[in-house]
Amino acid sequence: LWLMRHAEALSAEGSGGDAGRQLSEGGRRQAASLGRWLKEREAPPELIWHSPLVRAAQTAELLRVELDAGI
């Protein structure tokens, strides 16, 4: 079981409030890096669950892509 928080996100200004906050470029790099780290350790998750927040969904998608797990 891996528990993680979303990667770094932009401020809420101009994003439609907290729920609409997107990942920053740094956050996109963080999420991709974590996916590679998990894959290198041969410890990929079987499922990825995330909240409906935009930044959480973006983090999960970047992890999925890096893991190439087809989740």
Protein backbone atom coordinates (compact mmCIF):
# COMPACT_ATOMS: atom_id res chain seq x y z
CA LEU A 1 0.00 0.00 0.00
CA TRP A 2 1.46 3.32 -1.09
CA LEU A 3 -0.11 6.53 0.19
CA MET A 4 0.95 9.75 -1.43
CA ARG A 5 -0.21 13.27 -1.76
CA HIS A 6 -0.57 15.13 -5.05
CA ALA A 7 2.54 16.80 -6.41
CA GLU A 8 3.20 20.55 -6.21
CA ALA A 9 0.27 22.58 -7.54
CA LEU A 10 -0.28 26.12 -8.75
CA SER A 11 -2.02 28.67 -6.55
CA ALA A 12 -5.82 28.82 -6.51
CA GLU A 13 -5.89 32.26 -8.19
CA GLY A 14 -7.38 32.04 -11.67
CA SER A 15 -7.91 28.28 -11.48
CA GLY A 16 -11.55 28.18 -10.45
CA GLY A 17 -10.78 27.71 -6.78
CA ASP A 18 -9.02 25.00 -4.85
CA ALA A 19 -10.60 22.04 -6.66
CA GLY A 20 -9.40 23.34 -10.04
CA ARG A 21 -5.75 23.81 -9.09
CA GLN A 22 -3.43 22.17 -11.61
CA LEU A 23 0.06 20.81 -11.15
CA SER A 24 2.95 23.20 -11.63
CA GLU A 25 5.77 22.23 -13.99
CA GLY A 26 7.75 21.24 -10.92
CA GLY A 27 4.84 19.13 -9.73
CA ARG A 28 4.64 17.36 -13.09
CA ARG A 29 8.33 16.52 -12.77
CA GLN A 30 7.80 15.32 -9.18
CA ALA A 31 4.98 12.96 -10.16
CA ALA A 32 6.89 11.54 -13.11
CA SER A 33 9.98 11.08 -10.96
CA LEU A 34 7.99 9.21 -8.32
CA GLY A 35 6.56 6.91 -11.00
CA ARG A 36 10.06 6.11 -12.24
CA TRP A 37 11.25 5.56 -8.66
CA LEU A 38 8.45 3.07 -7.98
CA LYS A 39 9.11 1.26 -11.25
CA GLU A 40 12.86 0.98 -10.55
CA ARG A 41 12.10 -0.67 -7.22
CA GLU A 42 9.71 -3.10 -8.84
CA ALA A 43 7.03 -1.95 -6.43
CA PRO A 44 4.35 -0.57 -8.73
CA PRO A 45 0.81 -0.29 -7.39
CA GLU A 46 -1.86 -2.53 -8.87
CA LEU A 47 -4.44 0.23 -8.64
CA ILE A 48 -4.26 4.00 -8.42
CA TRP A 49 -7.09 5.74 -6.61
CA HIS A 50 -7.27 9.50 -6.41
CA SER A 51 -9.63 12.24 -5.35
CA PRO A 52 -11.64 14.19 -7.93
CA LEU A 53 -9.35 17.22 -7.52
CA VAL A 54 -7.63 18.20 -10.77
CA ARG A 55 -4.13 18.09 -9.27
CA ALA A 56 -4.73 14.61 -7.81
CA ALA A 57 -5.99 13.27 -11.16
CA GLN A 58 -2.99 14.79 -12.96
CA THR A 59 -0.59 13.25 -10.43
CA ALA A 60 -2.23 9.83 -10.84
CA GLU A 61 -2.08 10.03 -14.63
CA LEU A 62 1.61 10.94 -14.63
CA LEU A 63 2.33 8.05 -12.26
CA ARG A 64 0.38 5.67 -14.51
CA VAL A 65 2.27 6.76 -17.59
CA GLU A 66 5.66 6.33 -15.92
CA LEU A 67 4.76 2.97 -14.45
CA ASP A 68 3.45 1.82 -17.84
CA ALA A 69 1.18 -0.45 -15.85
CA GLY A 70 -1.94 -0.07 -17.96
CA ILE A 71 -3.98 0.74 -14.87
